[in-house]
Amino acid sequence: MSEANNRQILLVEKPTGRLGPEHFRMVNGSIPEPKEGEALLRLRYLSLDAANRAWMHGATYRAAVEANTVMSGGGIAEVVASKASGLAPGDIVFGDTGWQDYAAVQAKHLTKMPKLEPMTHLLSVYGIAGLTAYFGLLHVGKPKEGETVVVSAAAGSVGSIVGQIAKIKSCRVVGIAGGKDKCHWLTNELGFDAAVDYKDGGTYKALRSAAPDGIDVYFDNVGGDILEACLPQMNNRGRIACCGAISQYDGVPSAHGPRGVPGLIVVKRLIMQGFIVMDFMDQRDAALADLQSWVASGKLKVQEDVIDGLENAPAALIGLLAGENRGKRMIRVQA
């Protein structure tokens, strides 16, 4: 093997406030030897997600990231060597590799991916982002033709796809995003009917204007104040798909949930449901068939934010939490 070492980025300290570069350190480790049932992987593209920050708080749907360990994260990787049936050198897989060049991972925790170009699509529209958008909107939100769908973090990896799928399903779509440029992109490039800039203040009033007939489906990526602004505007029997709470993740001292929730849910007969994309993986093939057909026909535009170099992962995650990205942010580790 030509590489003499394995670059690894450690989380050296769990942040108590906002995440900063001082919480990470790059070290050189050894390339692991795969054990029985494992494959040695060379990471190609590393996924960056708001959930990376949530894992630092404690156990969620997965174990917490502990201090002085390799930072956890999923990625698209190439099999270098295998001691597992069904995986051979050259295969492309998705798995929790961590922030490092090489990882030995049990085959049962890996998903074999099709070989398609661009490979980046395996992390965006055909990966966790696209599948989260698909299942969260269609299976949890259950929009009907003509209904109003509102999505927060609408310029992000999941939100930008949610809004486009809602348009494909003939809904009126309102995106909530930070900044005029992102809002302009949503309406002019992605076909959203309206966009609300939460950084402009007055989110409740702006949303009322953008969705005058109320909200039937709200796809929530942020929680907090924006969820609180949407709840009173939900129509009777509305559905709220709870995907994430990015407003609460990064050391916000006054983070709070929406107030007055129980009464609103009862009076409006709302369904508010959290979900994890892994719950729907038995239906992955059907979802991918739809997503691929929509991309091929031009109905679904793919926006990716690819940053070169594993060493840039900490700054790229910090930037993602600050809302820098448009579409799916990832790190190109090795081309």
C-alpha atoms as a PDB file:
ATOM      1  CA  MET A   1       0.000   0.000   0.000  1.00  0.00           C
ATOM      2  CA  SER A   2       1.505   3.339  -1.010  1.00  0.00           C
ATOM      3  CA  GLU A   3       0.181   5.310   1.976  1.00  0.00           C
ATOM      4  CA  ALA A   4       2.489   4.997   4.982  1.00  0.00           C
ATOM      5  CA  ASN A   5      -0.040   6.276   7.477  1.00  0.00           C
ATOM      6  CA  ASN A   6      -3.671   6.969   8.145  1.00  0.00           C
ATOM      7  CA  ARG A   7      -4.608  10.611   8.714  1.00  0.00           C
ATOM      8  CA  GLN A   8      -7.243  10.868  11.418  1.00  0.00           C
ATOM      9  CA  ILE A   9      -9.142  13.828  12.861  1.00  0.00           C
ATOM     10  CA  LEU A  10      -9.848  13.464  16.564  1.00  0.00           C
ATOM     11  CA  LEU A  11     -12.477  15.236  18.617  1.00  0.00           C
ATOM     12  CA  VAL A  12     -10.098  16.215  21.418  1.00  0.00           C
ATOM     13  CA  GLU A  13     -12.695  17.915  23.598  1.00  0.00           C
ATOM     14  CA  LYS A  14     -16.496  18.010  23.693  1.00  0.00           C
ATOM     15  CA  PRO A  15     -17.589  21.625  23.254  1.00  0.00           C
ATOM     16  CA  THR A  16     -19.716  23.216  25.964  1.00  0.00           C
ATOM     17  CA  GLY A  17     -20.470  26.231  23.767  1.00  0.00           C
ATOM     18  CA  ARG A  18     -20.107  26.662  20.035  1.00  0.00           C
ATOM     19  CA  LEU A  19     -17.991  24.207  18.093  1.00  0.00           C
ATOM     20  CA  GLY A  20     -14.576  25.591  17.126  1.00  0.00           C
ATOM     21  CA  PRO A  21     -11.387  24.437  15.380  1.00  0.00           C
ATOM     22  CA  GLU A  22      -9.742  24.032  18.793  1.00  0.00           C
ATOM     23  CA  HIS A  23     -11.969  21.012  19.459  1.00  0.00           C
ATOM     24  CA  PHE A  24     -10.250  18.980  16.721  1.00  0.00           C
ATOM     25  CA  ARG A  25      -6.751  17.726  16.019  1.00  0.00           C
ATOM     26  CA  MET A  26      -5.288  15.813  13.080  1.00  0.00           C
ATOM     27  CA  VAL A  27      -2.950  12.910  13.874  1.00  0.00           C
ATOM     28  CA  ASN A  28      -1.260  10.155  11.911  1.00  0.00           C
ATOM     29  CA  GLY A  29      -2.463   6.689  12.840  1.00  0.00           C
ATOM     30  CA  SER A  30      -1.734   3.291  11.392  1.00  0.00           C
ATOM     31  CA  ILE A  31      -3.703   1.638   8.619  1.00  0.00           C
ATOM     32  CA  PRO A  32      -5.803  -1.062  10.311  1.00  0.00           C
ATOM     33  CA  GLU A  33      -5.809  -4.723   9.373  1.00  0.00           C
ATOM     34  CA  PRO A  34      -9.312  -6.056   8.689  1.00  0.00           C
ATOM     35  CA  LYS A  35     -10.477  -8.882  10.928  1.00  0.00           C
ATOM     36  CA  GLU A  36     -12.805 -11.715   9.922  1.00  0.00           C
ATOM     37  CA  GLY A  37     -16.082 -10.249   8.683  1.00  0.00           C
ATOM     38  CA  GLU A  38     -14.535  -6.810   8.082  1.00  0.00           C
ATOM     39  CA  ALA A  39     -13.436  -4.813   5.046  1.00  0.00           C
ATOM     40  CA  LEU A  40     -10.602  -2.312   4.878  1.00  0.00           C
ATOM     41  CA  LEU A  41     -11.968   0.878   3.356  1.00  0.00           C
ATOM     42  CA  ARG A  42     -10.326   3.883   1.744  1.00  0.00           C
ATOM     43  CA  LEU A  43     -12.542   6.915   2.287  1.00  0.00           C
ATOM     44  CA  ARG A  44     -13.416   8.824  -0.879  1.00  0.00           C
ATOM     45  CA  TYR A  45     -16.087  11.322   0.230  1.00  0.00           C
ATOM     46  CA  LEU A  46     -16.994  12.271   3.807  1.00  0.00           C
ATOM     47  CA  SER A  47     -20.528  13.424   4.601  1.00  0.00           C
ATOM     48  CA  LEU A  48     -20.913  16.544   6.757  1.00  0.00           C
ATOM     49  CA  ASP A  49     -24.210  16.878   8.604  1.00  0.00           C
ATOM     50  CA  ALA A  50     -25.711  18.900  11.435  1.00  0.00           C
ATOM     51  CA  ALA A  51     -26.184  15.552  13.193  1.00  0.00           C
ATOM     52  CA  ASN A  52     -22.381  15.373  13.602  1.00  0.00           C
ATOM     53  CA  ARG A  53     -22.738  18.139  16.191  1.00  0.00           C
ATOM     54  CA  ALA A  54     -25.719  16.506  17.906  1.00  0.00           C
ATOM     55  CA  TRP A  55     -23.689  13.323  18.468  1.00  0.00           C
ATOM     56  CA  MET A  56     -21.298  15.307  20.675  1.00  0.00           C
ATOM     57  CA  HIS A  57     -24.090  15.970  23.196  1.00  0.00           C
ATOM     58  CA  GLY A  58     -24.711  12.309  23.975  1.00  0.00           C
ATOM     59  CA  ALA A  59     -26.262   9.129  22.665  1.00  0.00           C
ATOM     60  CA  THR A  60     -29.007   9.612  20.058  1.00  0.00           C
ATOM     61  CA  TYR A  61     -29.989   6.931  17.564  1.00  0.00           C
ATOM     62  CA  ARG A  62     -26.298   6.055  17.745  1.00  0.00           C
ATOM     63  CA  ALA A  63     -23.580   6.181  20.402  1.00  0.00           C
ATOM     64  CA  ALA A  64     -22.165   9.547  21.421  1.00  0.00           C
ATOM     65  CA  VAL A  65     -18.821  10.756  20.079  1.00  0.00           C
ATOM     66  CA  GLU A  66     -16.337  10.690  22.953  1.00  0.00           C
ATOM     67  CA  ALA A  67     -13.356  13.002  23.492  1.00  0.00           C
ATOM     68  CA  ASN A  68      -9.990  11.870  22.133  1.00  0.00           C
ATOM     69  CA  THR A  69     -11.491   9.491  19.605  1.00  0.00           C
ATOM     70  CA  VAL A  70     -11.719   9.652  15.816  1.00  0.00           C
ATOM     71  CA  MET A  71     -14.601  11.959  14.928  1.00  0.00           C
ATOM     72  CA  SER A  72     -17.568   9.915  13.761  1.00  0.00           C
ATOM     73  CA  GLY A  73     -19.085  10.384  10.342  1.00  0.00           C
ATOM     74  CA  GLY A  74     -20.428   8.532   7.365  1.00  0.00           C
ATOM     75  CA  GLY A  75     -18.862   8.391   3.975  1.00  0.00           C
ATOM     76  CA  ILE A  76     -18.529   6.785   0.585  1.00  0.00           C
ATOM     77  CA  ALA A  77     -15.528   4.492   0.536  1.00  0.00           C
ATOM     78  CA  GLU A  78     -13.765   1.978  -1.672  1.00  0.00           C
ATOM     79  CA  VAL A  79     -13.004  -1.530  -0.459  1.00  0.00           C
ATOM     80  CA  VAL A  80      -9.210  -2.052  -0.419  1.00  0.00           C
ATOM     81  CA  ALA A  81      -9.168  -5.521   1.158  1.00  0.00           C
ATOM     82  CA  SER A  82     -11.915  -7.778   2.410  1.00  0.00           C
ATOM     83  CA  LYS A  83     -12.310 -10.634   4.863  1.00  0.00           C
ATOM     84  CA  ALA A  84     -16.070 -10.636   4.406  1.00  0.00           C
ATOM     85  CA  SER A  85     -18.195 -12.513   1.924  1.00  0.00           C
ATOM     86  CA  GLY A  86     -19.990 -10.311  -0.577  1.00  0.00           C
ATOM     87  CA  LEU A  87     -17.375  -7.540  -0.588  1.00  0.00           C
ATOM     88  CA  ALA A  88     -14.365  -7.415  -2.883  1.00  0.00           C
ATOM     89  CA  PRO A  89     -11.617  -4.874  -3.588  1.00  0.00           C
ATOM     90  CA  GLY A  90     -12.965  -2.061  -5.746  1.00  0.00           C
ATOM     91  CA  ASP A  91     -16.517  -2.243  -4.364  1.00  0.00           C
ATOM     92  CA  ILE A  92     -18.050   1.080  -3.335  1.00  0.00           C
ATOM     93  CA  VAL A  93     -19.824   1.197   0.031  1.00  0.00           C
ATOM     94  CA  PHE A  94     -21.443   3.639   2.447  1.00  0.00           C
ATOM     95  CA  GLY A  95     -20.689   3.319   6.134  1.00  0.00           C
ATOM     96  CA  ASP A  96     -19.609   4.985   9.355  1.00  0.00           C
ATOM     97  CA  THR A  97     -15.926   5.291   8.536  1.00  0.00           C
ATOM     98  CA  GLY A  98     -15.088   8.184  10.816  1.00  0.00           C
ATOM     99  CA  TRP A  99     -12.942  11.152   9.795  1.00  0.00           C
ATOM    100  CA  GLN A 100      -9.905   9.256   8.519  1.00  0.00           C
ATOM    101  CA  ASP A 101      -8.299   7.989   5.339  1.00  0.00           C
ATOM    102  CA  TYR A 102      -8.739   4.289   6.155  1.00  0.00           C
ATOM    103  CA  ALA A 103     -11.108   2.311   8.339  1.00  0.00           C
ATOM    104  CA  ALA A 104     -11.790  -1.369   9.035  1.00  0.00           C
ATOM    105  CA  VAL A 105     -15.553  -1.825   9.318  1.00  0.00           C
ATOM    106  CA  GLN A 106     -17.741  -4.895   9.792  1.00  0.00           C
ATOM    107  CA  ALA A 107     -19.455  -5.770   6.519  1.00  0.00           C
ATOM    108  CA  LYS A 108     -22.849  -6.010   8.227  1.00  0.00           C
ATOM    109  CA  HIS A 109     -22.632  -2.264   8.924  1.00  0.00           C
ATOM    110  CA  LEU A 110     -21.899  -1.341   5.305  1.00  0.00           C
ATOM    111  CA  THR A 111     -24.241  -0.660   2.402  1.00  0.00           C
ATOM    112  CA  LYS A 112     -22.960  -1.662  -1.021  1.00  0.00           C
ATOM    113  CA  MET A 113     -23.526   1.175  -3.479  1.00  0.00           C
ATOM    114  CA  PRO A 114     -23.921   1.172  -7.261  1.00  0.00           C
ATOM    115  CA  LYS A 115     -20.971   2.416  -9.291  1.00  0.00           C
ATOM    116  CA  LEU A 116     -22.288   5.611 -10.813  1.00  0.00           C
ATOM    117  CA  GLU A 117     -20.936   9.004 -11.720  1.00  0.00           C
ATOM    118  CA  PRO A 118     -20.716  11.470 -10.226  1.00  0.00           C
ATOM    119  CA  MET A 119     -19.922   9.489  -7.107  1.00  0.00           C
ATOM    120  CA  THR A 120     -20.913  12.534  -5.026  1.00  0.00           C
ATOM    121  CA  HIS A 121     -24.578  11.795  -5.805  1.00  0.00           C
ATOM    122  CA  LEU A 122     -24.265   8.720  -3.562  1.00  0.00           C
ATOM    123  CA  LEU A 123     -23.951  11.114  -0.600  1.00  0.00           C
ATOM    124  CA  SER A 124     -26.497  13.680  -1.750  1.00  0.00           C
ATOM    125  CA  VAL A 125     -29.582  12.873  -3.758  1.00  0.00           C
ATOM    126  CA  TYR A 126     -29.129   9.067  -3.718  1.00  0.00           C
ATOM    127  CA  GLY A 127     -27.698   8.992  -0.195  1.00  0.00           C
ATOM    128  CA  ILE A 128     -28.956   9.806   3.285  1.00  0.00           C
ATOM    129  CA  ALA A 129     -29.958  13.362   2.298  1.00  0.00           C
ATOM    130  CA  GLY A 130     -32.181  12.355  -0.605  1.00  0.00           C
ATOM    131  CA  LEU A 131     -33.686   9.377   1.194  1.00  0.00           C
ATOM    132  CA  THR A 132     -34.377  11.461   4.322  1.00  0.00           C
ATOM    133  CA  ALA A 133     -36.178  14.037   2.198  1.00  0.00           C
ATOM    134  CA  TYR A 134     -38.130  11.386   0.299  1.00  0.00           C
ATOM    135  CA  PHE A 135     -39.335   9.297   3.237  1.00  0.00           C
ATOM    136  CA  GLY A 136     -39.802  12.196   5.632  1.00  0.00           C
ATOM    137  CA  LEU A 137     -41.984  14.119   3.226  1.00  0.00           C
ATOM    138  CA  LEU A 138     -43.909  11.340   1.484  1.00  0.00           C
ATOM    139  CA  HIS A 139     -44.257   8.745   4.280  1.00  0.00           C
ATOM    140  CA  VAL A 140     -44.440  11.028   7.337  1.00  0.00           C
ATOM    141  CA  GLY A 141     -45.746  14.333   5.943  1.00  0.00           C
ATOM    142  CA  LYS A 142     -48.033  12.630   3.400  1.00  0.00           C
ATOM    143  CA  PRO A 143     -48.730  15.719   1.263  1.00  0.00           C
ATOM    144  CA  LYS A 144     -51.720  15.789  -1.061  1.00  0.00           C
ATOM    145  CA  GLU A 145     -51.973  17.631  -4.354  1.00  0.00           C
ATOM    146  CA  GLY A 146     -52.750  21.325  -3.827  1.00  0.00           C
ATOM    147  CA  GLU A 147     -51.669  21.385  -0.168  1.00  0.00           C
ATOM    148  CA  THR A 148     -49.173  23.889   1.233  1.00  0.00           C
ATOM    149  CA  VAL A 149     -45.829  22.435   2.316  1.00  0.00           C
ATOM    150  CA  VAL A 150     -43.365  24.505   4.348  1.00  0.00           C
ATOM    151  CA  VAL A 151     -39.773  23.356   4.879  1.00  0.00           C
ATOM    152  CA  SER A 152     -37.119  24.926   7.128  1.00  0.00           C
ATOM    153  CA  ALA A 153     -33.384  24.923   6.364  1.00  0.00           C
ATOM    154  CA  ALA A 154     -34.723  24.841   2.827  1.00  0.00           C
ATOM    155  CA  ALA A 155     -31.401  25.592   1.136  1.00  0.00           C
ATOM    156  CA  GLY A 156     -29.663  22.712   2.917  1.00  0.00           C
ATOM    157  CA  SER A 157     -28.993  19.178   1.758  1.00  0.00           C
ATOM    158  CA  VAL A 158     -32.349  17.740   2.867  1.00  0.00           C
ATOM    159  CA  GLY A 159     -34.575  20.805   2.663  1.00  0.00           C
ATOM    160  CA  SER A 160     -33.691  21.654  -0.929  1.00  0.00           C
ATOM    161  CA  ILE A 161     -34.761  18.157  -2.006  1.00  0.00           C
ATOM    162  CA  VAL A 162     -37.913  18.153   0.164  1.00  0.00           C
ATOM    163  CA  GLY A 163     -39.178  21.301  -1.527  1.00  0.00           C
ATOM    164  CA  GLN A 164     -38.543  19.983  -5.021  1.00  0.00           C
ATOM    165  CA  ILE A 165     -40.291  16.676  -4.294  1.00  0.00           C
ATOM    166  CA  ALA A 166     -43.266  18.613  -2.910  1.00  0.00           C
ATOM    167  CA  LYS A 167     -43.411  20.577  -6.194  1.00  0.00           C
ATOM    168  CA  ILE A 168     -43.261  17.309  -8.157  1.00  0.00           C
ATOM    169  CA  LYS A 169     -46.283  16.215  -6.098  1.00  0.00           C
ATOM    170  CA  SER A 170     -48.143  19.412  -7.141  1.00  0.00           C
ATOM    171  CA  CYS A 171     -48.038  21.188  -3.787  1.00  0.00           C
ATOM    172  CA  ARG A 172     -47.544  24.870  -3.011  1.00  0.00           C
ATOM    173  CA  VAL A 173     -44.061  25.079  -1.461  1.00  0.00           C
ATOM    174  CA  VAL A 174     -42.636  27.677   0.901  1.00  0.00           C
ATOM    175  CA  GLY A 175     -38.999  27.472   1.994  1.00  0.00           C
ATOM    176  CA  ILE A 176     -37.505  29.087   5.095  1.00  0.00           C
ATOM    177  CA  ALA A 177     -33.803  29.907   4.754  1.00  0.00           C
ATOM    178  CA  GLY A 178     -31.191  32.352   5.987  1.00  0.00           C
ATOM    179  CA  GLY A 179     -30.350  35.257   3.670  1.00  0.00           C
ATOM    180  CA  LYS A 180     -31.738  36.870   0.534  1.00  0.00           C
ATOM    181  CA  ASP A 181     -29.396  34.964  -1.785  1.00  0.00           C
ATOM    182  CA  LYS A 182     -30.590  31.584  -0.558  1.00  0.00           C
ATOM    183  CA  CYS A 183     -34.230  32.658  -0.771  1.00  0.00           C
ATOM    184  CA  HIS A 184     -33.715  33.925  -4.324  1.00  0.00           C
ATOM    185  CA  TRP A 185     -32.081  30.605  -5.254  1.00  0.00           C
ATOM    186  CA  LEU A 186     -35.028  28.638  -3.865  1.00  0.00           C
ATOM    187  CA  THR A 187     -37.630  30.528  -5.891  1.00  0.00           C
ATOM    188  CA  ASN A 188     -35.646  31.242  -9.072  1.00  0.00           C
ATOM    189  CA  GLU A 189     -33.636  28.034  -9.448  1.00  0.00           C
ATOM    190  CA  LEU A 190     -35.495  25.314  -7.564  1.00  0.00           C
ATOM    191  CA  GLY A 191     -39.053  26.428  -8.300  1.00  0.00           C
ATOM    192  CA  PHE A 192     -40.306  27.090  -4.766  1.00  0.00           C
ATOM    193  CA  ASP A 193     -43.456  29.237  -4.760  1.00  0.00           C
ATOM    194  CA  ALA A 194     -42.170  31.508  -1.995  1.00  0.00           C
ATOM    195  CA  ALA A 195     -39.266  31.826   0.435  1.00  0.00           C
ATOM    196  CA  VAL A 196     -38.997  33.402   3.871  1.00  0.00           C
ATOM    197  CA  ASP A 197     -35.701  34.855   5.142  1.00  0.00           C
ATOM    198  CA  TYR A 198     -35.638  34.137   8.864  1.00  0.00           C
ATOM    199  CA  LYS A 199     -32.617  36.445   9.271  1.00  0.00           C
ATOM    200  CA  ASP A 200     -34.788  39.360   8.206  1.00  0.00           C
ATOM    201  CA  GLY A 201     -36.878  39.152  11.390  1.00  0.00           C
ATOM    202  CA  GLY A 202     -40.629  38.830  11.540  1.00  0.00           C
ATOM    203  CA  THR A 203     -40.703  35.174  10.463  1.00  0.00           C
ATOM    204  CA  TYR A 204     -44.288  34.687  11.664  1.00  0.00           C
ATOM    205  CA  LYS A 205     -45.668  37.583   9.594  1.00  0.00           C
ATOM    206  CA  ALA A 206     -43.579  36.731   6.527  1.00  0.00           C
ATOM    207  CA  LEU A 207     -44.769  33.131   6.708  1.00  0.00           C
ATOM    208  CA  ARG A 208     -48.368  34.272   7.038  1.00  0.00           C
ATOM    209  CA  SER A 209     -47.943  36.263   3.833  1.00  0.00           C
ATOM    210  CA  ALA A 210     -46.146  33.439   1.996  1.00  0.00           C
ATOM    211  CA  ALA A 211     -48.722  30.813   3.073  1.00  0.00           C
ATOM    212  CA  PRO A 212     -52.024  32.741   3.320  1.00  0.00           C
ATOM    213  CA  ASP A 213     -54.095  29.544   3.309  1.00  0.00           C
ATOM    214  CA  GLY A 214     -52.164  28.053   6.224  1.00  0.00           C
ATOM    215  CA  ILE A 215     -49.753  25.118   6.370  1.00  0.00           C
ATOM    216  CA  ASP A 216     -50.772  21.526   5.705  1.00  0.00           C
ATOM    217  CA  VAL A 217     -47.348  19.906   5.998  1.00  0.00           C
ATOM    218  CA  TYR A 218     -44.344  21.337   7.837  1.00  0.00           C
ATOM    219  CA  PHE A 219     -40.982  19.585   7.362  1.00  0.00           C
ATOM    220  CA  ASP A 220     -38.961  20.675  10.380  1.00  0.00           C
ATOM    221  CA  ASN A 221     -35.166  20.672  10.258  1.00  0.00           C
ATOM    222  CA  VAL A 222     -34.528  23.313  12.912  1.00  0.00           C
ATOM    223  CA  GLY A 223     -36.941  23.263  15.859  1.00  0.00           C
ATOM    224  CA  GLY A 224     -36.925  26.274  18.186  1.00  0.00           C
ATOM    225  CA  ASP A 225     -38.361  29.629  17.161  1.00  0.00           C
ATOM    226  CA  ILE A 226     -39.173  28.633  13.582  1.00  0.00           C
ATOM    227  CA  LEU A 227     -41.174  25.612  14.690  1.00  0.00           C
ATOM    228  CA  GLU A 228     -42.924  27.925  17.134  1.00  0.00           C
ATOM    229  CA  ALA A 229     -43.791  30.333  14.287  1.00  0.00           C
ATOM    230  CA  CYS A 230     -45.195  27.521  12.133  1.00  0.00           C
ATOM    231  CA  LEU A 231     -47.365  25.741  14.711  1.00  0.00           C
ATOM    232  CA  PRO A 232     -50.161  28.349  15.020  1.00  0.00           C
ATOM    233  CA  GLN A 233     -50.373  28.507  11.224  1.00  0.00           C
ATOM    234  CA  MET A 234     -50.921  24.791  10.765  1.00  0.00           C
ATOM    235  CA  ASN A 235     -54.265  23.840   9.259  1.00  0.00           C
ATOM    236  CA  ASN A 236     -56.563  21.356  10.940  1.00  0.00           C
ATOM    237  CA  ARG A 237     -55.217  17.804  10.607  1.00  0.00           C
ATOM    238  CA  GLY A 238     -51.837  19.124   9.487  1.00  0.00           C
ATOM    239  CA  ARG A 239     -48.726  16.959   9.644  1.00  0.00           C
ATOM    240  CA  ILE A 240     -45.325  17.900  11.014  1.00  0.00           C
ATOM    241  CA  ALA A 241     -42.350  15.732  10.036  1.00  0.00           C
ATOM    242  CA  CYS A 242     -39.621  16.283  12.640  1.00  0.00           C
ATOM    243  CA  CYS A 243     -36.277  15.616  10.973  1.00  0.00           C
ATOM    244  CA  GLY A 244     -33.847  17.669  13.066  1.00  0.00           C
ATOM    245  CA  ALA A 245     -33.362  20.568  15.457  1.00  0.00           C
ATOM    246  CA  ILE A 246     -30.262  22.328  14.193  1.00  0.00           C
ATOM    247  CA  SER A 247     -31.146  25.515  16.095  1.00  0.00           C
ATOM    248  CA  GLN A 248     -30.553  23.582  19.332  1.00  0.00           C
ATOM    249  CA  TYR A 249     -27.315  21.774  18.468  1.00  0.00           C
ATOM    250  CA  ASP A 250     -24.440  24.223  18.607  1.00  0.00           C
ATOM    251  CA  GLY A 251     -24.170  25.596  22.135  1.00  0.00           C
ATOM    252  CA  VAL A 252     -27.186  27.906  22.105  1.00  0.00           C
ATOM    253  CA  PRO A 253     -27.623  28.934  25.779  1.00  0.00           C
ATOM    254  CA  SER A 254     -31.286  29.936  25.488  1.00  0.00           C
ATOM    255  CA  ALA A 255     -32.443  27.072  23.254  1.00  0.00           C
ATOM    256  CA  HIS A 256     -36.051  26.173  23.854  1.00  0.00           C
ATOM    257  CA  GLY A 257     -38.818  24.152  22.333  1.00  0.00           C
ATOM    258  CA  PRO A 258     -42.031  25.655  20.992  1.00  0.00           C
ATOM    259  CA  ARG A 259     -44.408  26.942  23.640  1.00  0.00           C
ATOM    260  CA  GLY A 260     -48.121  26.204  23.721  1.00  0.00           C
ATOM    261  CA  VAL A 261     -47.718  22.932  21.839  1.00  0.00           C
ATOM    262  CA  PRO A 262     -50.203  20.627  23.596  1.00  0.00           C
ATOM    263  CA  GLY A 263     -53.202  22.912  23.117  1.00  0.00           C
ATOM    264  CA  LEU A 264     -52.417  23.540  19.461  1.00  0.00           C
ATOM    265  CA  ILE A 265     -51.974  19.844  18.717  1.00  0.00           C
ATOM    266  CA  VAL A 266     -55.298  18.990  20.350  1.00  0.00           C
ATOM    267  CA  VAL A 267     -57.384  21.803  18.864  1.00  0.00           C
ATOM    268  CA  LYS A 268     -55.969  21.427  15.350  1.00  0.00           C
ATOM    269  CA  ARG A 269     -55.742  17.606  15.539  1.00  0.00           C
ATOM    270  CA  LEU A 270     -52.138  17.744  14.373  1.00  0.00           C
ATOM    271  CA  ILE A 271     -49.822  14.807  13.835  1.00  0.00           C
ATOM    272  CA  MET A 272     -46.236  15.599  14.892  1.00  0.00           C
ATOM    273  CA  GLN A 273     -43.872  12.712  14.170  1.00  0.00           C
ATOM    274  CA  GLY A 274     -40.156  12.268  14.461  1.00  0.00           C
ATOM    275  CA  PHE A 275     -38.393   9.816  12.157  1.00  0.00           C
ATOM    276  CA  ILE A 276     -35.005   8.329  11.328  1.00  0.00           C
ATOM    277  CA  VAL A 277     -34.288   7.480   7.704  1.00  0.00           C
ATOM    278  CA  MET A 278     -33.027   4.011   8.718  1.00  0.00           C
ATOM    279  CA  ASP A 279     -36.639   3.123   9.600  1.00  0.00           C
ATOM    280  CA  PHE A 280     -37.465   3.022   5.886  1.00  0.00           C
ATOM    281  CA  MET A 281     -34.472   1.224   4.389  1.00  0.00           C
ATOM    282  CA  ASP A 282     -36.565  -1.770   3.365  1.00  0.00           C
ATOM    283  CA  GLN A 283     -38.164   0.580   0.804  1.00  0.00           C
ATOM    284  CA  ARG A 284     -34.884   2.110  -0.383  1.00  0.00           C
ATOM    285  CA  ASP A 285     -34.935   0.624  -3.893  1.00  0.00           C
ATOM    286  CA  ALA A 286     -38.337   2.104  -4.733  1.00  0.00           C
ATOM    287  CA  ALA A 287     -37.255   5.503  -3.408  1.00  0.00           C
ATOM    288  CA  LEU A 288     -34.032   5.439  -5.441  1.00  0.00           C
ATOM    289  CA  ALA A 289     -35.969   4.551  -8.592  1.00  0.00           C
ATOM    290  CA  ASP A 290     -38.147   7.641  -8.121  1.00  0.00           C
ATOM    291  CA  LEU A 291     -35.220   9.906  -7.272  1.00  0.00           C
ATOM    292  CA  GLN A 292     -33.201   8.714 -10.278  1.00  0.00           C
ATOM    293  CA  SER A 293     -36.113   9.241 -12.661  1.00  0.00           C
ATOM    294  CA  TRP A 294     -36.720  12.768 -11.344  1.00  0.00           C
ATOM    295  CA  VAL A 295     -33.030  13.683 -11.691  1.00  0.00           C
ATOM    296  CA  ALA A 296     -32.895  12.215 -15.217  1.00  0.00           C
ATOM    297  CA  SER A 297     -35.970  14.184 -16.284  1.00  0.00           C
ATOM    298  CA  GLY A 298     -34.662  17.447 -14.822  1.00  0.00           C
ATOM    299  CA  LYS A 299     -37.514  17.716 -12.304  1.00  0.00           C
ATOM    300  CA  LEU A 300     -35.059  17.414  -9.416  1.00  0.00           C
ATOM    301  CA  LYS A 301     -31.917  19.565  -9.430  1.00  0.00           C
ATOM    302  CA  VAL A 302     -28.916  18.383  -7.435  1.00  0.00           C
ATOM    303  CA  GLN A 303     -26.877  20.972  -5.549  1.00  0.00           C
ATOM    304  CA  GLU A 304     -23.612  19.864  -3.955  1.00  0.00           C
ATOM    305  CA  ASP A 305     -21.003  21.730  -1.939  1.00  0.00           C
ATOM    306  CA  VAL A 306     -17.778  19.729  -2.260  1.00  0.00           C
ATOM    307  CA  ILE A 307     -14.693  20.846  -0.295  1.00  0.00           C
ATOM    308  CA  ASP A 308     -11.278  19.313  -0.932  1.00  0.00           C
ATOM    309  CA  GLY A 309      -9.113  17.833   1.805  1.00  0.00           C
ATOM    310  CA  LEU A 310      -9.741  15.860   4.998  1.00  0.00           C
ATOM    311  CA  GLU A 311      -7.861  18.560   6.906  1.00  0.00           C
ATOM    312  CA  ASN A 312     -10.653  21.000   6.047  1.00  0.00           C
ATOM    313  CA  ALA A 313     -13.426  18.898   7.626  1.00  0.00           C
ATOM    314  CA  PRO A 314     -13.522  20.749  10.984  1.00  0.00           C
ATOM    315  CA  ALA A 315     -13.852  24.204   9.396  1.00  0.00           C
ATOM    316  CA  ALA A 316     -16.380  22.852   6.901  1.00  0.00           C
ATOM    317  CA  LEU A 317     -18.589  21.421   9.676  1.00  0.00           C
ATOM    318  CA  ILE A 318     -18.370  24.660  11.665  1.00  0.00           C
ATOM    319  CA  GLY A 319     -19.389  26.539   8.518  1.00  0.00           C
ATOM    320  CA  LEU A 320     -22.281  24.177   7.866  1.00  0.00           C
ATOM    321  CA  LEU A 321     -23.627  24.817  11.373  1.00  0.00           C
ATOM    322  CA  ALA A 322     -23.423  28.557  10.601  1.00  0.00           C
ATOM    323  CA  GLY A 323     -25.444  28.035   7.412  1.00  0.00           C
ATOM    324  CA  GLU A 324     -22.652  28.541   4.858  1.00  0.00           C
ATOM    325  CA  ASN A 325     -23.622  25.697   2.581  1.00  0.00           C
ATOM    326  CA  ARG A 326     -26.123  25.467  -0.229  1.00  0.00           C
ATOM    327  CA  GLY A 327     -27.152  21.871  -0.878  1.00  0.00           C
ATOM    328  CA  LYS A 328     -25.204  18.853   0.367  1.00  0.00           C
ATOM    329  CA  ARG A 329     -21.801  19.653   1.921  1.00  0.00           C
ATOM    330  CA  MET A 330     -19.124  16.955   1.789  1.00  0.00           C
ATOM    331  CA  ILE A 331     -15.354  16.531   1.859  1.00  0.00           C
ATOM    332  CA  ARG A 332     -13.468  15.021  -1.077  1.00  0.00           C
ATOM    333  CA  VAL A 333     -10.891  12.969   0.808  1.00  0.00           C
ATOM    334  CA  GLN A 334      -9.371  11.067  -2.102  1.00  0.00           C
ATOM    335  CA  ALA A 335     -10.510  11.339  -5.689  1.00  0.00           C
END
